[in-house]
Amino acid sequence: MHTNRLAPSKEEIALLQPFDRLGLDRIELVSTGTQAARAFDALAAATVWGFDTESKPTFVKDEVSEGPHVLQLATLDKAWVIQLHDSACREAAAALLALPGVTKAGFGLGDDRKRILAKLGVDPPGVLDLNHVFREQGWRKDMGVKAAVAVLFNQRFTKSKKAGTSNWANPRLTEAQLVYAGNDAWAALRVHQALGLPCS
């Protein structure tokens, strides 16, 4: 086992070739009960998902977030961006996250789990924080998706800061938000696959 491995710097990552991302044709927005039911059927057939959430940023001291406002789940073929302002979408999201036997892989998921428990009433089983996997392999700091993609694929994963800090509670998400959210979950799954981890 290696110890004290250092993740590449922002400057080193900036020099890499871009990582291929999902286009909008492979990212499905889920904002109605019908769409949620369709997403549930597709995702329930998989044994591992890329997993992340987005919440409207808070800018005022002591302001409590009402997030997550968006849940994103991905298979290798597609990502689903599930808006949680609709009750049917919340029910489907809670049922999906409660499924046993599914690995839900992502980065820095401690806060996500707390918010999901508060909002959806479920503590998802099978959550795998990929930062822990990298730490066990001797990497010194939390990797995050950008550094993980750089290490495993020698490529640069682009994330729009503007999209990341945008209003995720907005009923109408922009194309930039969909691309950001869908690819965050999908890239985590690609990292999980590249690490050769078991699927459940």
N, C-alpha and C. Protein backbone atom coordinates (compact mmCIF):
# COMPACT_ATOMS: atom_id res chain seq x y z
N MET A 1 0.84 -1.20 0.00
CA MET A 1 0.00 0.00 0.00
C MET A 1 0.88 1.25 0.00
N HIS A 2 0.46 2.23 -0.80
CA HIS A 2 1.17 3.50 -0.83
C HIS A 2 0.65 4.37 0.31
N THR A 3 1.52 5.22 0.82
CA THR A 3 1.07 6.15 1.85
C THR A 3 1.45 7.56 1.43
N ASN A 4 0.68 8.50 1.94
CA ASN A 4 0.94 9.91 1.70
C ASN A 4 1.04 10.27 0.22
N ARG A 5 0.13 9.74 -0.57
CA ARG A 5 0.08 10.11 -1.97
C ARG A 5 -0.62 11.46 -2.10
N LEU A 6 -0.09 12.30 -2.96
CA LEU A 6 -0.64 13.64 -3.11
C LEU A 6 -1.47 13.74 -4.38
N ALA A 7 -2.66 14.28 -4.25
CA ALA A 7 -3.52 14.48 -5.41
C ALA A 7 -2.92 15.57 -6.29
N PRO A 8 -3.20 15.53 -7.60
CA PRO A 8 -2.69 16.58 -8.48
C PRO A 8 -3.28 17.94 -8.12
N SER A 9 -2.50 18.98 -8.37
CA SER A 9 -2.95 20.34 -8.06
C SER A 9 -3.91 20.83 -9.14
N LYS A 10 -4.59 21.94 -8.84
CA LYS A 10 -5.49 22.56 -9.83
C LYS A 10 -4.73 22.89 -11.10
N GLU A 11 -3.50 23.38 -10.92
CA GLU A 11 -2.69 23.77 -12.08
C GLU A 11 -2.34 22.54 -12.93
N GLU A 12 -2.02 21.44 -12.28
CA GLU A 12 -1.70 20.22 -13.02
C GLU A 12 -2.94 19.68 -13.74
N ILE A 13 -4.08 19.71 -13.07
CA ILE A 13 -5.32 19.23 -13.68
C ILE A 13 -5.68 20.08 -14.90
N ALA A 14 -5.45 21.39 -14.82
CA ALA A 14 -5.80 22.30 -15.91
C ALA A 14 -5.09 21.98 -17.21
N LEU A 15 -3.97 21.29 -17.12
CA LEU A 15 -3.18 20.96 -18.32
C LEU A 15 -3.68 19.69 -19.03
N LEU A 16 -4.56 18.96 -18.39
CA LEU A 16 -4.99 17.67 -18.94
C LEU A 16 -6.06 17.85 -20.02
N GLN A 17 -6.20 16.82 -20.83
CA GLN A 17 -7.27 16.80 -21.84
C GLN A 17 -8.62 16.66 -21.15
N PRO A 18 -9.69 17.21 -21.73
CA PRO A 18 -10.99 17.14 -21.06
C PRO A 18 -11.57 15.73 -21.00
N PHE A 19 -12.28 15.48 -19.94
CA PHE A 19 -12.99 14.23 -19.71
C PHE A 19 -14.33 14.30 -20.43
N ASP A 20 -14.65 13.28 -21.20
CA ASP A 20 -15.94 13.26 -21.90
C ASP A 20 -17.08 13.27 -20.90
N ARG A 21 -18.06 14.11 -21.15
CA ARG A 21 -19.20 14.21 -20.23
C ARG A 21 -20.48 13.77 -20.93
N LEU A 22 -21.49 13.48 -20.13
CA LEU A 22 -22.81 13.19 -20.68
C LEU A 22 -23.39 14.45 -21.30
N GLY A 23 -24.01 14.30 -22.47
CA GLY A 23 -24.75 15.40 -23.05
C GLY A 23 -26.18 15.40 -22.55
N LEU A 24 -26.91 16.44 -22.89
CA LEU A 24 -28.30 16.56 -22.44
C LEU A 24 -29.18 15.41 -22.94
N ASP A 25 -28.77 14.78 -24.04
CA ASP A 25 -29.55 13.66 -24.57
C ASP A 25 -29.50 12.44 -23.65
N ARG A 26 -28.57 12.43 -22.69
CA ARG A 26 -28.44 11.29 -21.76
C ARG A 26 -28.67 11.71 -20.31
N ILE A 27 -29.26 12.90 -20.15
CA ILE A 27 -29.60 13.38 -18.81
C ILE A 27 -31.10 13.66 -18.79
N GLU A 28 -31.81 12.97 -17.91
CA GLU A 28 -33.27 13.11 -17.87
C GLU A 28 -33.70 13.90 -16.65
N LEU A 29 -34.43 14.97 -16.89
CA LEU A 29 -35.01 15.75 -15.80
C LEU A 29 -36.27 15.05 -15.30
N VAL A 30 -36.37 14.89 -13.99
CA VAL A 30 -37.53 14.24 -13.38
C VAL A 30 -38.23 15.26 -12.50
N SER A 31 -39.42 15.70 -12.93
CA SER A 31 -40.14 16.72 -12.16
C SER A 31 -41.62 16.40 -11.98
N THR A 32 -42.07 15.22 -12.46
CA THR A 32 -43.46 14.80 -12.30
C THR A 32 -43.51 13.37 -11.79
N GLY A 33 -44.67 12.98 -11.29
CA GLY A 33 -44.84 11.62 -10.80
C GLY A 33 -44.62 10.57 -11.88
N THR A 34 -45.09 10.84 -13.09
CA THR A 34 -44.92 9.89 -14.20
C THR A 34 -43.45 9.71 -14.53
N GLN A 35 -42.72 10.82 -14.60
CA GLN A 35 -41.28 10.73 -14.87
C GLN A 35 -40.56 10.02 -13.73
N ALA A 36 -41.00 10.26 -12.50
CA ALA A 36 -40.37 9.63 -11.34
C ALA A 36 -40.57 8.12 -11.37
N ALA A 37 -41.77 7.67 -11.75
CA ALA A 37 -42.03 6.23 -11.82
C ALA A 37 -41.15 5.58 -12.88
N ARG A 38 -40.98 6.27 -14.01
CA ARG A 38 -40.13 5.73 -15.09
C ARG A 38 -38.66 5.66 -14.63
N ALA A 39 -38.22 6.70 -13.94
CA ALA A 39 -36.85 6.72 -13.43
C ALA A 39 -36.64 5.61 -12.40
N PHE A 40 -37.64 5.40 -11.54
CA PHE A 40 -37.53 4.35 -10.52
C PHE A 40 -37.31 3.00 -11.18
N ASP A 41 -38.11 2.69 -12.19
CA ASP A 41 -37.99 1.39 -12.86
C ASP A 41 -36.62 1.20 -13.48
N ALA A 42 -36.10 2.24 -14.11
CA ALA A 42 -34.79 2.13 -14.76
C ALA A 42 -33.67 1.98 -13.74
N LEU A 43 -33.73 2.76 -12.68
CA LEU A 43 -32.66 2.74 -11.68
C LEU A 43 -32.71 1.50 -10.80
N ALA A 44 -33.90 1.00 -10.52
CA ALA A 44 -34.04 -0.18 -9.65
C ALA A 44 -33.42 -1.42 -10.28
N ALA A 45 -33.20 -1.39 -11.59
CA ALA A 45 -32.60 -2.54 -12.27
C ALA A 45 -31.08 -2.56 -12.15
N ALA A 46 -30.48 -1.48 -11.64
CA ALA A 46 -29.02 -1.40 -11.53
C ALA A 46 -28.56 -1.80 -10.13
N THR A 47 -27.30 -2.19 -10.01
CA THR A 47 -26.76 -2.57 -8.70
C THR A 47 -25.82 -1.51 -8.13
N VAL A 48 -25.46 -0.52 -8.93
CA VAL A 48 -24.63 0.58 -8.44
C VAL A 48 -25.00 1.84 -9.20
N TRP A 49 -25.06 2.95 -8.46
CA TRP A 49 -25.35 4.25 -9.06
C TRP A 49 -24.28 5.25 -8.67
N GLY A 50 -24.06 6.22 -9.54
CA GLY A 50 -23.42 7.44 -9.11
C GLY A 50 -24.47 8.27 -8.38
N PHE A 51 -24.06 8.98 -7.33
CA PHE A 51 -25.03 9.59 -6.42
C PHE A 51 -24.52 10.94 -5.95
N ASP A 52 -25.40 11.93 -5.98
CA ASP A 52 -25.07 13.24 -5.44
C ASP A 52 -26.38 14.01 -5.20
N THR A 53 -26.29 15.11 -4.51
CA THR A 53 -27.44 16.01 -4.34
C THR A 53 -26.97 17.43 -4.55
N GLU A 54 -27.94 18.31 -4.80
CA GLU A 54 -27.66 19.75 -4.88
C GLU A 54 -28.68 20.49 -4.02
N SER A 55 -28.22 21.54 -3.37
CA SER A 55 -29.08 22.37 -2.54
C SER A 55 -28.86 23.83 -2.90
N LYS A 56 -29.93 24.60 -2.76
CA LYS A 56 -29.79 26.04 -2.96
C LYS A 56 -28.78 26.57 -1.95
N PRO A 57 -27.80 27.33 -2.41
CA PRO A 57 -26.78 27.83 -1.47
C PRO A 57 -27.39 28.76 -0.42
N THR A 58 -26.77 28.77 0.74
CA THR A 58 -27.16 29.73 1.79
C THR A 58 -26.04 30.75 1.91
N PHE A 59 -26.42 32.00 1.97
CA PHE A 59 -25.41 33.07 1.99
C PHE A 59 -25.45 33.88 3.28
N VAL A 60 -26.48 33.66 4.09
CA VAL A 60 -26.64 34.44 5.32
C VAL A 60 -26.20 33.59 6.51
N LYS A 61 -25.49 34.20 7.45
CA LYS A 61 -25.02 33.49 8.64
C LYS A 61 -26.21 32.87 9.38
N ASP A 62 -26.04 31.62 9.79
CA ASP A 62 -27.06 30.86 10.54
C ASP A 62 -28.30 30.51 9.71
N GLU A 63 -28.28 30.81 8.41
CA GLU A 63 -29.40 30.40 7.56
C GLU A 63 -29.35 28.88 7.38
N VAL A 64 -30.47 28.23 7.61
CA VAL A 64 -30.52 26.77 7.50
C VAL A 64 -31.00 26.37 6.10
N SER A 65 -30.26 25.47 5.48
CA SER A 65 -30.64 25.02 4.14
C SER A 65 -31.88 24.14 4.21
N GLU A 66 -32.76 24.30 3.24
CA GLU A 66 -33.93 23.44 3.13
C GLU A 66 -33.70 22.34 2.11
N GLY A 67 -32.44 22.17 1.72
CA GLY A 67 -32.10 21.16 0.72
C GLY A 67 -32.07 19.76 1.32
N PRO A 68 -31.84 18.75 0.48
CA PRO A 68 -31.51 18.92 -0.93
C PRO A 68 -32.74 19.30 -1.76
N HIS A 69 -32.49 20.05 -2.80
CA HIS A 69 -33.56 20.41 -3.73
C HIS A 69 -33.54 19.52 -4.97
N VAL A 70 -32.39 18.91 -5.21
CA VAL A 70 -32.21 18.04 -6.37
C VAL A 70 -31.43 16.80 -5.95
N LEU A 71 -31.87 15.65 -6.42
CA LEU A 71 -31.15 14.39 -6.24
C LEU A 71 -30.74 13.91 -7.63
N GLN A 72 -29.46 13.57 -7.79
CA GLN A 72 -29.05 13.03 -9.07
C GLN A 72 -28.47 11.62 -8.90
N LEU A 73 -28.94 10.73 -9.75
CA LEU A 73 -28.50 9.34 -9.75
C LEU A 73 -28.13 8.97 -11.17
N ALA A 74 -27.10 8.14 -11.32
CA ALA A 74 -26.63 7.81 -12.67
C ALA A 74 -26.26 6.34 -12.79
N THR A 75 -26.56 5.79 -13.97
CA THR A 75 -25.99 4.53 -14.41
C THR A 75 -24.91 4.88 -15.43
N LEU A 76 -24.24 3.89 -15.99
CA LEU A 76 -23.20 4.20 -16.97
C LEU A 76 -23.78 4.78 -18.26
N ASP A 77 -25.06 4.53 -18.49
CA ASP A 77 -25.69 4.99 -19.73
C ASP A 77 -26.37 6.34 -19.61
N LYS A 78 -26.78 6.71 -18.40
CA LYS A 78 -27.70 7.84 -18.29
C LYS A 78 -27.67 8.40 -16.87
N ALA A 79 -28.08 9.66 -16.75
CA ALA A 79 -28.24 10.28 -15.42
C ALA A 79 -29.65 10.84 -15.30
N TRP A 80 -30.17 10.79 -14.10
CA TRP A 80 -31.49 11.35 -13.79
C TRP A 80 -31.31 12.47 -12.78
N VAL A 81 -31.90 13.61 -13.06
CA VAL A 81 -31.85 14.75 -12.15
C VAL A 81 -33.27 14.93 -11.61
N ILE A 82 -33.46 14.56 -10.35
CA ILE A 82 -34.79 14.49 -9.75
C ILE A 82 -35.02 15.72 -8.88
N GLN A 83 -36.00 16.53 -9.29
CA GLN A 83 -36.36 17.70 -8.49
C GLN A 83 -37.26 17.26 -7.34
N LEU A 84 -37.02 17.83 -6.16
CA LEU A 84 -37.70 17.33 -4.96
C LEU A 84 -38.81 18.26 -4.46
N HIS A 85 -39.24 19.24 -5.27
CA HIS A 85 -40.35 20.08 -4.82
C HIS A 85 -41.70 19.40 -5.04
N ASP A 86 -41.73 18.35 -5.89
CA ASP A 86 -42.97 17.62 -6.16
C ASP A 86 -43.08 16.42 -5.21
N SER A 87 -44.23 16.24 -4.59
CA SER A 87 -44.37 15.18 -3.57
C SER A 87 -44.17 13.79 -4.17
N ALA A 88 -44.64 13.56 -5.39
CA ALA A 88 -44.46 12.25 -6.03
C ALA A 88 -42.97 11.99 -6.31
N CYS A 89 -42.25 13.03 -6.67
CA CYS A 89 -40.81 12.90 -6.90
C CYS A 89 -40.08 12.61 -5.59
N ARG A 90 -40.52 13.26 -4.52
CA ARG A 90 -39.90 12.99 -3.22
C ARG A 90 -40.15 11.55 -2.79
N GLU A 91 -41.37 11.06 -3.00
CA GLU A 91 -41.68 9.67 -2.63
C GLU A 91 -40.83 8.69 -3.43
N ALA A 92 -40.71 8.92 -4.74
CA ALA A 92 -39.90 8.03 -5.58
C ALA A 92 -38.43 8.10 -5.17
N ALA A 93 -37.94 9.31 -4.88
CA ALA A 93 -36.54 9.47 -4.47
C ALA A 93 -36.28 8.73 -3.17
N ALA A 94 -37.20 8.86 -2.20
CA ALA A 94 -37.03 8.17 -0.92
C ALA A 94 -37.05 6.66 -1.11
N ALA A 95 -37.95 6.17 -1.96
CA ALA A 95 -38.04 4.72 -2.21
C ALA A 95 -36.77 4.21 -2.89
N LEU A 96 -36.24 4.98 -3.82
CA LEU A 96 -35.00 4.59 -4.49
C LEU A 96 -33.84 4.53 -3.50
N LEU A 97 -33.70 5.58 -2.72
CA LEU A 97 -32.57 5.65 -1.80
C LEU A 97 -32.65 4.60 -0.71
N ALA A 98 -33.87 4.12 -0.42
CA ALA A 98 -34.05 3.09 0.61
C ALA A 98 -33.76 1.69 0.08
N LEU A 99 -33.59 1.54 -1.23
CA LEU A 99 -33.39 0.21 -1.80
C LEU A 99 -32.13 -0.44 -1.24
N PRO A 100 -32.25 -1.67 -0.73
CA PRO A 100 -31.06 -2.39 -0.30
C PRO A 100 -30.37 -3.02 -1.51
N GLY A 101 -29.11 -3.40 -1.34
CA GLY A 101 -28.41 -4.11 -2.41
C GLY A 101 -27.97 -3.23 -3.56
N VAL A 102 -28.07 -1.91 -3.41
CA VAL A 102 -27.59 -0.98 -4.43
C VAL A 102 -26.50 -0.12 -3.82
N THR A 103 -25.32 -0.12 -4.43
CA THR A 103 -24.25 0.76 -3.99
C THR A 103 -24.50 2.15 -4.55
N LYS A 104 -24.47 3.14 -3.66
CA LYS A 104 -24.70 4.53 -4.06
C LYS A 104 -23.38 5.28 -3.86
N ALA A 105 -22.64 5.48 -4.95
CA ALA A 105 -21.26 5.96 -4.87
C ALA A 105 -21.17 7.43 -5.22
N GLY A 106 -20.45 8.18 -4.38
CA GLY A 106 -20.25 9.60 -4.64
C GLY A 106 -19.10 10.13 -3.80
N PHE A 107 -18.97 11.44 -3.78
CA PHE A 107 -17.88 12.09 -3.05
C PHE A 107 -18.44 13.01 -1.97
N GLY A 108 -17.83 12.97 -0.77
CA GLY A 108 -18.20 13.89 0.30
C GLY A 108 -19.67 13.81 0.67
N LEU A 109 -20.14 12.62 0.99
CA LEU A 109 -21.58 12.39 1.11
C LEU A 109 -22.14 12.53 2.53
N GLY A 110 -21.30 12.86 3.50
CA GLY A 110 -21.80 12.96 4.88
C GLY A 110 -22.92 13.97 5.03
N ASP A 111 -22.73 15.16 4.46
CA ASP A 111 -23.74 16.20 4.56
C ASP A 111 -24.98 15.82 3.76
N ASP A 112 -24.77 15.18 2.61
CA ASP A 112 -25.91 14.75 1.78
C ASP A 112 -26.81 13.79 2.56
N ARG A 113 -26.19 12.85 3.27
CA ARG A 113 -26.98 11.86 4.00
C ARG A 113 -27.81 12.52 5.10
N LYS A 114 -27.21 13.48 5.81
CA LYS A 114 -27.95 14.17 6.87
C LYS A 114 -29.16 14.92 6.31
N ARG A 115 -28.93 15.59 5.19
CA ARG A 115 -30.02 16.37 4.59
C ARG A 115 -31.11 15.46 4.02
N ILE A 116 -30.69 14.34 3.46
CA ILE A 116 -31.68 13.38 2.92
C ILE A 116 -32.54 12.82 4.04
N LEU A 117 -31.91 12.50 5.16
CA LEU A 117 -32.66 11.98 6.31
C LEU A 117 -33.67 13.03 6.79
N ALA A 118 -33.24 14.28 6.85
CA ALA A 118 -34.13 15.35 7.32
C ALA A 118 -35.27 15.61 6.33
N LYS A 119 -34.97 15.55 5.03
CA LYS A 119 -35.98 15.93 4.04
C LYS A 119 -36.85 14.77 3.59
N LEU A 120 -36.23 13.58 3.44
CA LEU A 120 -36.95 12.45 2.87
C LEU A 120 -37.25 11.35 3.89
N GLY A 121 -36.68 11.47 5.08
CA GLY A 121 -36.97 10.50 6.13
C GLY A 121 -36.33 9.14 5.90
N VAL A 122 -35.25 9.10 5.13
CA VAL A 122 -34.57 7.83 4.88
C VAL A 122 -33.06 8.02 5.02
N ASP A 123 -32.42 7.05 5.69
CA ASP A 123 -30.96 7.02 5.77
C ASP A 123 -30.50 5.95 4.79
N PRO A 124 -30.02 6.34 3.62
CA PRO A 124 -29.80 5.35 2.54
C PRO A 124 -28.77 4.30 2.92
N PRO A 125 -29.11 3.01 2.74
CA PRO A 125 -28.11 1.97 2.91
C PRO A 125 -27.21 1.92 1.67
N GLY A 126 -26.04 1.35 1.84
CA GLY A 126 -25.17 1.12 0.68
C GLY A 126 -24.47 2.34 0.15
N VAL A 127 -24.42 3.43 0.94
CA VAL A 127 -23.73 4.63 0.49
C VAL A 127 -22.22 4.42 0.59
N LEU A 128 -21.51 4.72 -0.49
CA LEU A 128 -20.05 4.56 -0.53
C LEU A 128 -19.44 5.91 -0.86
N ASP A 129 -18.78 6.51 0.13
CA ASP A 129 -18.07 7.76 -0.11
C ASP A 129 -16.71 7.42 -0.70
N LEU A 130 -16.51 7.78 -1.95
CA LEU A 130 -15.28 7.41 -2.65
C LEU A 130 -14.04 8.06 -2.05
N ASN A 131 -14.22 9.17 -1.33
CA ASN A 131 -13.08 9.76 -0.63
C ASN A 131 -12.47 8.76 0.35
N HIS A 132 -13.31 7.95 1.00
CA HIS A 132 -12.81 6.97 1.97
C HIS A 132 -11.98 5.90 1.26
N VAL A 133 -12.41 5.52 0.06
CA VAL A 133 -11.66 4.51 -0.70
C VAL A 133 -10.27 5.03 -1.04
N PHE A 134 -10.19 6.28 -1.49
CA PHE A 134 -8.89 6.86 -1.82
C PHE A 134 -8.02 7.01 -0.59
N ARG A 135 -8.64 7.35 0.54
CA ARG A 135 -7.84 7.49 1.77
C ARG A 135 -7.24 6.15 2.18
N GLU A 136 -8.02 5.07 2.00
CA GLU A 136 -7.51 3.74 2.32
C GLU A 136 -6.35 3.35 1.40
N GLN A 137 -6.31 3.96 0.23
CA GLN A 137 -5.22 3.68 -0.71
C GLN A 137 -4.02 4.60 -0.51
N GLY A 138 -4.09 5.44 0.54
CA GLY A 138 -2.93 6.23 0.91
C GLY A 138 -2.94 7.67 0.45
N TRP A 139 -4.03 8.13 -0.16
CA TRP A 139 -4.09 9.53 -0.56
C TRP A 139 -4.34 10.39 0.67
N ARG A 140 -3.63 11.52 0.76
CA ARG A 140 -3.61 12.27 2.01
C ARG A 140 -4.87 13.09 2.26
N LYS A 141 -5.43 13.65 1.23
CA LYS A 141 -6.59 14.52 1.41
C LYS A 141 -7.79 13.98 0.67
N ASP A 142 -8.96 14.54 1.00
CA ASP A 142 -10.15 14.19 0.22
C ASP A 142 -9.91 14.50 -1.25
N MET A 143 -10.26 13.56 -2.11
CA MET A 143 -9.96 13.72 -3.52
C MET A 143 -10.96 14.64 -4.21
N GLY A 144 -12.24 14.31 -4.07
CA GLY A 144 -13.22 15.01 -4.89
C GLY A 144 -13.18 14.47 -6.31
N VAL A 145 -14.23 14.73 -7.05
CA VAL A 145 -14.37 14.13 -8.37
C VAL A 145 -13.30 14.62 -9.34
N LYS A 146 -12.92 15.89 -9.25
CA LYS A 146 -11.93 16.42 -10.20
C LYS A 146 -10.58 15.72 -10.07
N ALA A 147 -10.08 15.62 -8.84
CA ALA A 147 -8.78 14.97 -8.63
C ALA A 147 -8.86 13.49 -8.95
N ALA A 148 -9.97 12.85 -8.61
CA ALA A 148 -10.13 11.41 -8.88
C ALA A 148 -10.09 11.13 -10.38
N VAL A 149 -10.78 11.95 -11.16
CA VAL A 149 -10.78 11.78 -12.62
C VAL A 149 -9.38 12.01 -13.17
N ALA A 150 -8.67 13.00 -12.62
CA ALA A 150 -7.31 13.27 -13.07
C ALA A 150 -6.39 12.08 -12.79
N VAL A 151 -6.51 11.50 -11.60
CA VAL A 151 -5.64 10.38 -11.21
C VAL A 151 -5.95 9.12 -12.01
N LEU A 152 -7.23 8.81 -12.17
CA LEU A 152 -7.62 7.54 -12.78
C LEU A 152 -7.67 7.57 -14.31
N PHE A 153 -8.02 8.74 -14.87
CA PHE A 153 -8.20 8.83 -16.33
C PHE A 153 -7.18 9.76 -16.99
N ASN A 154 -6.38 10.45 -16.16
CA ASN A 154 -5.45 11.45 -16.67
C ASN A 154 -6.18 12.49 -17.53
N GLN A 155 -7.36 12.87 -17.07
CA GLN A 155 -8.18 13.83 -17.79
C GLN A 155 -8.74 14.88 -16.83
N ARG A 156 -9.24 15.97 -17.41
CA ARG A 156 -9.74 17.11 -16.62
C ARG A 156 -11.26 17.11 -16.63
N PHE A 157 -11.84 16.99 -15.43
CA PHE A 157 -13.30 17.05 -15.29
C PHE A 157 -13.69 18.49 -15.02
N THR A 158 -14.50 19.04 -15.91
CA THR A 158 -14.87 20.45 -15.81
C THR A 158 -16.18 20.61 -15.05
N LYS A 159 -16.16 21.50 -14.06
CA LYS A 159 -17.37 21.82 -13.31
C LYS A 159 -17.55 23.33 -13.34
N SER A 160 -18.76 23.77 -13.70
CA SER A 160 -19.05 25.19 -13.74
C SER A 160 -19.35 25.69 -12.33
N LYS A 161 -18.51 26.61 -11.84
CA LYS A 161 -18.75 27.17 -10.51
C LYS A 161 -20.07 27.94 -10.49
N LYS A 162 -20.38 28.60 -11.60
CA LYS A 162 -21.63 29.37 -11.68
C LYS A 162 -22.83 28.44 -11.51
N ALA A 163 -22.80 27.28 -12.20
CA ALA A 163 -23.90 26.32 -12.06
C ALA A 163 -23.94 25.74 -10.67
N GLY A 164 -22.76 25.43 -10.12
CA GLY A 164 -22.69 24.80 -8.81
C GLY A 164 -23.28 25.64 -7.70
N THR A 165 -23.15 26.97 -7.83
CA THR A 165 -23.65 27.86 -6.78
C THR A 165 -24.97 28.54 -7.20
N SER A 166 -25.65 27.94 -8.16
CA SER A 166 -26.90 28.52 -8.66
C SER A 166 -28.07 28.10 -7.78
N ASN A 167 -29.25 28.58 -8.12
CA ASN A 167 -30.45 28.31 -7.32
C ASN A 167 -31.05 26.96 -7.71
N TRP A 168 -30.73 25.95 -6.93
CA TRP A 168 -31.22 24.59 -7.21
C TRP A 168 -32.68 24.40 -6.79
N ALA A 169 -33.23 25.38 -6.08
CA ALA A 169 -34.64 25.30 -5.69
C ALA A 169 -35.55 25.84 -6.80
N ASN A 170 -34.97 26.41 -7.82
CA ASN A 170 -35.77 26.97 -8.91
C ASN A 170 -36.58 25.88 -9.59
N PRO A 171 -37.89 26.07 -9.79
CA PRO A 171 -38.70 25.03 -10.46
C PRO A 171 -38.22 24.71 -11.87
N ARG A 172 -37.61 25.69 -12.54
CA ARG A 172 -37.10 25.47 -13.89
C ARG A 172 -35.58 25.48 -13.87
N LEU A 173 -34.99 24.31 -13.98
CA LEU A 173 -33.53 24.22 -14.01
C LEU A 173 -33.02 24.54 -15.41
N THR A 174 -31.86 25.16 -15.47
CA THR A 174 -31.26 25.49 -16.76
C THR A 174 -30.53 24.28 -17.34
N GLU A 175 -30.20 24.36 -18.62
CA GLU A 175 -29.42 23.28 -19.24
C GLU A 175 -28.07 23.14 -18.55
N ALA A 176 -27.47 24.27 -18.17
CA ALA A 176 -26.17 24.22 -17.48
C ALA A 176 -26.29 23.48 -16.15
N GLN A 177 -27.39 23.71 -15.44
CA GLN A 177 -27.60 23.00 -14.17
C GLN A 177 -27.76 21.49 -14.40
N LEU A 178 -28.51 21.12 -15.43
CA LEU A 178 -28.72 19.71 -15.72
C LEU A 178 -27.41 19.02 -16.07
N VAL A 179 -26.60 19.68 -16.90
CA VAL A 179 -25.30 19.10 -17.28
C VAL A 179 -24.41 18.96 -16.05
N TYR A 180 -24.38 19.97 -15.21
CA TYR A 180 -23.56 19.95 -13.99
C TYR A 180 -24.00 18.81 -13.08
N ALA A 181 -25.29 18.77 -12.78
CA ALA A 181 -25.80 17.79 -11.81
C ALA A 181 -25.68 16.37 -12.34
N GLY A 182 -26.09 16.16 -13.58
CA GLY A 182 -26.03 14.81 -14.14
C GLY A 182 -24.61 14.27 -14.20
N ASN A 183 -23.67 15.12 -14.59
CA ASN A 183 -22.30 14.65 -14.73
C ASN A 183 -21.59 14.46 -13.41
N ASP A 184 -21.98 15.19 -12.37
CA ASP A 184 -21.40 14.95 -11.05
C ASP A 184 -21.66 13.51 -10.61
N ALA A 185 -22.90 13.05 -10.78
CA ALA A 185 -23.24 11.69 -10.40
C ALA A 185 -22.60 10.67 -11.35
N TRP A 186 -22.63 10.96 -12.64
CA TRP A 186 -22.10 10.02 -13.63
C TRP A 186 -20.58 9.84 -13.49
N ALA A 187 -19.87 10.95 -13.24
CA ALA A 187 -18.42 10.86 -13.08
C ALA A 187 -18.06 10.04 -11.84
N ALA A 188 -18.84 10.18 -10.78
CA ALA A 188 -18.59 9.37 -9.58
C ALA A 188 -18.72 7.89 -9.90
N LEU A 189 -19.71 7.54 -10.72
CA LEU A 189 -19.88 6.14 -11.10
C LEU A 189 -18.71 5.66 -11.96
N ARG A 190 -18.24 6.51 -12.88
CA ARG A 190 -17.08 6.15 -13.70
C ARG A 190 -15.85 5.92 -12.84
N VAL A 191 -15.69 6.73 -11.80
CA VAL A 191 -14.57 6.55 -10.87
C VAL A 191 -14.72 5.23 -10.13
N HIS A 192 -15.92 4.95 -9.66
CA HIS A 192 -16.20 3.68 -8.97
C HIS A 192 -15.82 2.50 -9.87
N GLN A 193 -16.22 2.58 -11.13
CA GLN A 193 -15.92 1.50 -12.08
C GLN A 193 -14.41 1.38 -12.30
N ALA A 194 -13.73 2.52 -12.46
CA ALA A 194 -12.28 2.50 -12.73
C ALA A 194 -11.49 1.96 -11.54
N LEU A 195 -12.04 2.12 -10.34
CA LEU A 195 -11.37 1.58 -9.14
C LEU A 195 -11.54 0.06 -9.02
N GLY A 196 -12.40 -0.50 -9.87
CA GLY A 196 -12.62 -1.94 -9.85
C GLY A 196 -13.38 -2.41 -8.62
N LEU A 197 -14.24 -1.55 -8.09
CA LEU A 197 -14.96 -1.89 -6.87
C LEU A 197 -16.14 -2.81 -7.17
N PRO A 198 -16.50 -3.66 -6.20
CA PRO A 198 -17.68 -4.51 -6.40
C PRO A 198 -18.95 -3.69 -6.52
N CYS A 199 -19.94 -4.25 -7.17
CA CYS A 199 -21.15 -3.47 -7.50
C CYS A 199 -22.19 -3.44 -6.40
N SER A 200 -22.12 -4.27 -5.40
CA SER A 200 -23.11 -4.19 -4.33
C SER A 200 -22.56 -4.83 -3.08
